[in-house]
Amino acid sequence: MDKQEIIVSIEHEGETIDTFVSNVCENISRSLAQSLIKEEKILVDGKVVKVSTKVHESQIVQVPIEI
């Protein structure tokens, strides 16, 4: 599955990964983001994360393109 890479900016520093993804990806709700994280389809710096993971500036979040 192809993934879109999003670099975390300072304005999103400290957000949980599900909130970050729903804020920057118009077509992904927070609940869908949570499901994709649990299915290990959303990665941070190439690693599987938990829904409660907080993002930090310059991290790379990979999100599936075909949603």
N, C-alpha and C. Protein backbone atom coordinates (compact mmCIF):
# COMPACT_ATOMS: atom_id res chain seq x y z
N MET A 1 0.85 -1.19 0.00
CA MET A 1 0.00 0.00 0.00
C MET A 1 0.89 1.24 0.00
N ASP A 2 0.59 2.17 -0.90
CA ASP A 2 1.35 3.41 -0.96
C ASP A 2 1.00 4.30 0.22
N LYS A 3 1.99 5.06 0.67
CA LYS A 3 1.77 5.94 1.82
C LYS A 3 2.20 7.37 1.47
N GLN A 4 1.47 8.31 2.04
CA GLN A 4 1.82 9.72 1.94
C GLN A 4 2.67 10.05 3.16
N GLU A 5 3.75 10.78 2.96
CA GLU A 5 4.60 11.18 4.09
C GLU A 5 4.31 12.63 4.45
N ILE A 6 4.06 12.86 5.73
CA ILE A 6 3.76 14.21 6.23
C ILE A 6 4.78 14.53 7.32
N ILE A 7 5.44 15.67 7.19
CA ILE A 7 6.41 16.10 8.20
C ILE A 7 5.68 16.96 9.23
N VAL A 8 5.84 16.63 10.49
CA VAL A 8 5.18 17.34 11.58
C VAL A 8 5.80 18.73 11.72
N SER A 9 4.95 19.75 11.71
CA SER A 9 5.43 21.13 11.91
C SER A 9 5.27 21.52 13.39
N ILE A 10 5.91 22.61 13.77
CA ILE A 10 5.91 23.06 15.16
C ILE A 10 4.49 23.31 15.68
N GLU A 11 3.59 23.73 14.81
CA GLU A 11 2.22 24.02 15.26
C GLU A 11 1.48 22.78 15.73
N HIS A 12 1.95 21.60 15.35
CA HIS A 12 1.29 20.35 15.77
C HIS A 12 2.08 19.62 16.87
N GLU A 13 3.14 20.23 17.33
CA GLU A 13 3.98 19.65 18.39
C GLU A 13 3.12 19.23 19.58
N GLY A 14 3.28 17.97 20.01
CA GLY A 14 2.60 17.49 21.22
C GLY A 14 1.20 16.93 21.01
N GLU A 15 0.67 17.01 19.78
CA GLU A 15 -0.65 16.42 19.53
C GLU A 15 -0.52 14.90 19.52
N THR A 16 -1.59 14.21 19.88
CA THR A 16 -1.57 12.76 19.74
C THR A 16 -1.63 12.44 18.25
N ILE A 17 -1.11 11.28 17.88
CA ILE A 17 -1.01 10.92 16.47
C ILE A 17 -2.38 10.90 15.78
N ASP A 18 -3.42 10.43 16.46
CA ASP A 18 -4.75 10.38 15.84
C ASP A 18 -5.29 11.79 15.58
N THR A 19 -5.07 12.70 16.51
CA THR A 19 -5.51 14.09 16.34
C THR A 19 -4.72 14.74 15.21
N PHE A 20 -3.42 14.52 15.18
CA PHE A 20 -2.58 15.09 14.13
C PHE A 20 -3.06 14.65 12.75
N VAL A 21 -3.26 13.36 12.58
CA VAL A 21 -3.66 12.84 11.27
C VAL A 21 -5.02 13.40 10.86
N SER A 22 -5.97 13.46 11.78
CA SER A 22 -7.30 13.99 11.42
C SER A 22 -7.24 15.49 11.14
N ASN A 23 -6.29 16.21 11.73
CA ASN A 23 -6.15 17.64 11.48
C ASN A 23 -5.52 17.93 10.13
N VAL A 24 -4.58 17.11 9.69
CA VAL A 24 -3.86 17.41 8.44
C VAL A 24 -4.40 16.66 7.22
N CYS A 25 -5.17 15.61 7.43
CA CYS A 25 -5.74 14.84 6.32
C CYS A 25 -7.26 15.03 6.32
N GLU A 26 -7.74 15.79 5.37
CA GLU A 26 -9.16 16.14 5.32
C GLU A 26 -10.08 14.93 5.24
N ASN A 27 -9.64 13.86 4.60
CA ASN A 27 -10.49 12.69 4.39
C ASN A 27 -10.41 11.64 5.50
N ILE A 28 -9.68 11.93 6.58
CA ILE A 28 -9.54 10.96 7.67
C ILE A 28 -10.06 11.56 8.97
N SER A 29 -11.09 10.93 9.52
CA SER A 29 -11.63 11.37 10.81
C SER A 29 -10.73 10.84 11.92
N ARG A 30 -10.93 11.35 13.10
CA ARG A 30 -10.11 10.90 14.23
C ARG A 30 -10.36 9.41 14.52
N SER A 31 -11.61 8.97 14.42
CA SER A 31 -11.91 7.56 14.69
C SER A 31 -11.30 6.65 13.62
N LEU A 32 -11.30 7.10 12.35
CA LEU A 32 -10.65 6.32 11.30
C LEU A 32 -9.14 6.29 11.53
N ALA A 33 -8.57 7.42 11.93
CA ALA A 33 -7.15 7.46 12.24
C ALA A 33 -6.80 6.46 13.35
N GLN A 34 -7.64 6.40 14.37
CA GLN A 34 -7.40 5.46 15.48
C GLN A 34 -7.41 4.02 14.97
N SER A 35 -8.37 3.71 14.10
CA SER A 35 -8.44 2.35 13.54
C SER A 35 -7.20 2.04 12.71
N LEU A 36 -6.78 2.98 11.87
CA LEU A 36 -5.61 2.76 11.02
C LEU A 36 -4.34 2.60 11.86
N ILE A 37 -4.25 3.33 12.96
CA ILE A 37 -3.09 3.20 13.86
C ILE A 37 -3.09 1.81 14.49
N LYS A 38 -4.24 1.35 14.96
CA LYS A 38 -4.34 0.02 15.58
C LYS A 38 -4.05 -1.08 14.58
N GLU A 39 -4.36 -0.84 13.29
CA GLU A 39 -4.08 -1.82 12.23
C GLU A 39 -2.65 -1.70 11.71
N GLU A 40 -1.86 -0.82 12.34
CA GLU A 40 -0.46 -0.59 12.01
C GLU A 40 -0.27 -0.06 10.59
N LYS A 41 -1.24 0.73 10.11
CA LYS A 41 -1.18 1.32 8.77
C LYS A 41 -0.68 2.76 8.79
N ILE A 42 -0.62 3.37 9.96
CA ILE A 42 -0.04 4.70 10.11
C ILE A 42 1.23 4.55 10.94
N LEU A 43 2.33 5.05 10.42
CA LEU A 43 3.63 4.91 11.07
C LEU A 43 4.23 6.28 11.36
N VAL A 44 5.07 6.34 12.37
CA VAL A 44 5.83 7.55 12.70
C VAL A 44 7.31 7.20 12.61
N ASP A 45 8.01 7.90 11.74
CA ASP A 45 9.43 7.61 11.49
C ASP A 45 9.65 6.14 11.16
N GLY A 46 8.68 5.56 10.42
CA GLY A 46 8.79 4.18 9.97
C GLY A 46 8.47 3.14 11.03
N LYS A 47 7.97 3.56 12.19
CA LYS A 47 7.70 2.63 13.29
C LYS A 47 6.22 2.60 13.64
N VAL A 48 5.77 1.44 14.08
CA VAL A 48 4.40 1.28 14.58
C VAL A 48 4.28 2.05 15.89
N VAL A 49 3.15 2.74 16.08
CA VAL A 49 2.94 3.53 17.30
C VAL A 49 1.58 3.22 17.91
N LYS A 50 1.38 3.70 19.12
CA LYS A 50 0.08 3.59 19.79
C LYS A 50 -0.72 4.85 19.52
N VAL A 51 -2.03 4.78 19.70
CA VAL A 51 -2.92 5.92 19.49
C VAL A 51 -2.52 7.09 20.40
N SER A 52 -2.01 6.80 21.56
CA SER A 52 -1.66 7.85 22.53
C SER A 52 -0.31 8.52 22.26
N THR A 53 0.41 8.05 21.25
CA THR A 53 1.72 8.62 20.93
C THR A 53 1.60 10.09 20.54
N LYS A 54 2.47 10.91 21.09
CA LYS A 54 2.48 12.34 20.74
C LYS A 54 3.54 12.59 19.66
N VAL A 55 3.19 13.47 18.72
CA VAL A 55 4.12 13.77 17.63
C VAL A 55 4.98 14.97 17.98
N HIS A 56 6.15 15.03 17.35
CA HIS A 56 7.10 16.11 17.60
C HIS A 56 7.58 16.67 16.27
N GLU A 57 7.96 17.92 16.29
CA GLU A 57 8.41 18.62 15.09
C GLU A 57 9.47 17.80 14.35
N SER A 58 9.35 17.76 13.05
CA SER A 58 10.28 17.10 12.12
C SER A 58 10.09 15.58 12.02
N GLN A 59 9.20 15.00 12.80
CA GLN A 59 8.94 13.57 12.63
C GLN A 59 8.20 13.38 11.30
N ILE A 60 8.35 12.19 10.73
CA ILE A 60 7.67 11.87 9.48
C ILE A 60 6.57 10.86 9.76
N VAL A 61 5.34 11.27 9.43
CA VAL A 61 4.17 10.41 9.62
C VAL A 61 3.77 9.85 8.27
N GLN A 62 3.64 8.53 8.20
CA GLN A 62 3.24 7.88 6.95
C GLN A 62 1.80 7.44 7.07
N VAL A 63 0.97 7.91 6.10
CA VAL A 63 -0.46 7.65 6.10
C VAL A 63 -0.82 6.96 4.79
N PRO A 64 -1.66 5.92 4.81
CA PRO A 64 -2.05 5.26 3.55
C PRO A 64 -2.75 6.26 2.62
N ILE A 65 -2.47 6.16 1.33
CA ILE A 65 -3.07 7.07 0.35
C ILE A 65 -4.48 6.63 -0.02
N GLU A 66 -4.70 5.35 -0.17
CA GLU A 66 -6.02 4.84 -0.61
C GLU A 66 -6.99 4.72 0.56
N ILE A 67 -7.60 5.80 0.93
CA ILE A 67 -8.59 5.80 2.03
C ILE A 67 -9.95 6.14 1.44
